[in-house]
Amino acid sequence: MADKLSEDERISLQKELEHLREEHRDLDAAIEALLHLGTTDRLQVQRLKKRKLVLRDRIVYLEDQLTPDIIA
């Protein structure tokens, strides 16, 4: 798939990928902060973790789109 992308598409996907990675890291930090407070809202933590999983799936998808297919 990666060899079929135009340069503009590749750049756009890379920018989105970086944005998603940053958001994923921010969610990690937010979850850790909530857990260290002690008065954790379990529902809020659960929602953040779910959002983190959705981001991870999208990150994996984009990485797959940017990686050239290798025929073994």
C-alpha atoms as a PDB file:
ATOM      1  CA  MET A   1       0.000   0.000   0.000  1.00  0.00           C
ATOM      2  CA  ALA A   2       2.803   2.408   0.882  1.00  0.00           C
ATOM      3  CA  ASP A   3       4.214   2.378  -2.640  1.00  0.00           C
ATOM      4  CA  LYS A   4       0.803   3.494  -4.009  1.00  0.00           C
ATOM      5  CA  LEU A   5       0.668   6.668  -1.881  1.00  0.00           C
ATOM      6  CA  SER A   6       1.468  10.053  -3.333  1.00  0.00           C
ATOM      7  CA  GLU A   7       3.977  12.204  -1.480  1.00  0.00           C
ATOM      8  CA  ASP A   8       1.186  14.464  -0.195  1.00  0.00           C
ATOM      9  CA  GLU A   9      -0.765  11.461   1.099  1.00  0.00           C
ATOM     10  CA  ARG A  10       2.337  10.073   2.793  1.00  0.00           C
ATOM     11  CA  ILE A  11       3.040  13.409   4.494  1.00  0.00           C
ATOM     12  CA  SER A  12      -0.584  13.707   5.606  1.00  0.00           C
ATOM     13  CA  LEU A  13      -0.552  10.198   7.086  1.00  0.00           C
ATOM     14  CA  GLN A  14       2.744  10.858   8.862  1.00  0.00           C
ATOM     15  CA  LYS A  15       1.380  14.060  10.401  1.00  0.00           C
ATOM     16  CA  GLU A  16      -1.753  12.272  11.578  1.00  0.00           C
ATOM     17  CA  LEU A  17       0.381   9.466  12.970  1.00  0.00           C
ATOM     18  CA  GLU A  18       2.523  11.878  14.981  1.00  0.00           C
ATOM     19  CA  HIS A  19      -0.570  13.647  16.297  1.00  0.00           C
ATOM     20  CA  LEU A  20      -2.115  10.334  17.395  1.00  0.00           C
ATOM     21  CA  ARG A  21       1.112   9.205  19.068  1.00  0.00           C
ATOM     22  CA  GLU A  22       1.244  12.471  21.008  1.00  0.00           C
ATOM     23  CA  GLU A  23      -2.384  12.115  22.081  1.00  0.00           C
ATOM     24  CA  HIS A  24      -1.685   8.504  23.125  1.00  0.00           C
ATOM     25  CA  ARG A  25       1.240   9.672  25.299  1.00  0.00           C
ATOM     26  CA  ASP A  26      -0.915  12.435  26.803  1.00  0.00           C
ATOM     27  CA  LEU A  27      -3.608   9.902  27.709  1.00  0.00           C
ATOM     28  CA  ASP A  28      -0.948   7.756  29.387  1.00  0.00           C
ATOM     29  CA  ALA A  29       0.080  10.728  31.490  1.00  0.00           C
ATOM     30  CA  ALA A  30      -3.528  11.626  32.330  1.00  0.00           C
ATOM     31  CA  ILE A  31      -4.332   8.072  33.412  1.00  0.00           C
ATOM     32  CA  GLU A  32      -1.220   7.897  35.575  1.00  0.00           C
ATOM     33  CA  ALA A  33      -2.046  11.248  37.175  1.00  0.00           C
ATOM     34  CA  LEU A  34      -5.585  10.134  37.979  1.00  0.00           C
ATOM     35  CA  LEU A  35      -4.368   6.866  39.469  1.00  0.00           C
ATOM     36  CA  HIS A  36      -1.813   8.660  41.666  1.00  0.00           C
ATOM     37  CA  LEU A  37      -4.442  11.045  43.050  1.00  0.00           C
ATOM     38  CA  GLY A  38      -6.065   8.223  44.948  1.00  0.00           C
ATOM     39  CA  THR A  39      -9.597   9.549  44.535  1.00  0.00           C
ATOM     40  CA  THR A  40      -9.879   8.023  41.122  1.00  0.00           C
ATOM     41  CA  ASP A  41     -13.039   8.180  39.102  1.00  0.00           C
ATOM     42  CA  ARG A  42     -12.980   4.634  37.748  1.00  0.00           C
ATOM     43  CA  LEU A  43     -15.417   5.469  34.950  1.00  0.00           C
ATOM     44  CA  GLN A  44     -13.224   8.321  33.758  1.00  0.00           C
ATOM     45  CA  VAL A  45     -10.116   6.110  33.812  1.00  0.00           C
ATOM     46  CA  GLN A  46     -12.006   3.413  31.906  1.00  0.00           C
ATOM     47  CA  ARG A  47     -13.060   5.934  29.249  1.00  0.00           C
ATOM     48  CA  LEU A  48      -9.502   7.215  28.886  1.00  0.00           C
ATOM     49  CA  LYS A  49      -8.189   3.675  28.509  1.00  0.00           C
ATOM     50  CA  LYS A  50     -10.812   2.908  25.880  1.00  0.00           C
ATOM     51  CA  ARG A  51      -9.859   6.056  23.947  1.00  0.00           C
ATOM     52  CA  LYS A  52      -6.226   4.996  24.218  1.00  0.00           C
ATOM     53  CA  LEU A  53      -7.051   1.608  22.659  1.00  0.00           C
ATOM     54  CA  VAL A  54      -8.917   3.284  19.793  1.00  0.00           C
ATOM     55  CA  LEU A  55      -5.902   5.510  19.180  1.00  0.00           C
ATOM     56  CA  ARG A  56      -3.579   2.500  19.263  1.00  0.00           C
ATOM     57  CA  ASP A  57      -5.669   0.723  16.626  1.00  0.00           C
ATOM     58  CA  ARG A  58      -5.561   3.794  14.380  1.00  0.00           C
ATOM     59  CA  ILE A  59      -1.792   4.155  14.921  1.00  0.00           C
ATOM     60  CA  VAL A  60      -1.227   0.529  13.898  1.00  0.00           C
ATOM     61  CA  TYR A  61      -3.427   1.020  10.828  1.00  0.00           C
ATOM     62  CA  LEU A  62      -1.512   4.139   9.740  1.00  0.00           C
ATOM     63  CA  GLU A  63       1.851   2.467  10.330  1.00  0.00           C
ATOM     64  CA  ASP A  64       0.676  -0.395   8.137  1.00  0.00           C
ATOM     65  CA  GLN A  65      -0.346   2.056   5.407  1.00  0.00           C
ATOM     66  CA  LEU A  66       3.078   3.722   5.508  1.00  0.00           C
ATOM     67  CA  THR A  67       5.071   0.473   5.490  1.00  0.00           C
ATOM     68  CA  PRO A  68       5.784  -1.014   2.073  1.00  0.00           C
ATOM     69  CA  ASP A  69       4.541  -4.540   1.436  1.00  0.00           C
ATOM     70  CA  ILE A  70       7.311  -7.120   1.425  1.00  0.00           C
ATOM     71  CA  ILE A  71       6.732 -10.288  -0.522  1.00  0.00           C
ATOM     72  CA  ALA A  72       8.628 -13.146   1.086  1.00  0.00           C
END
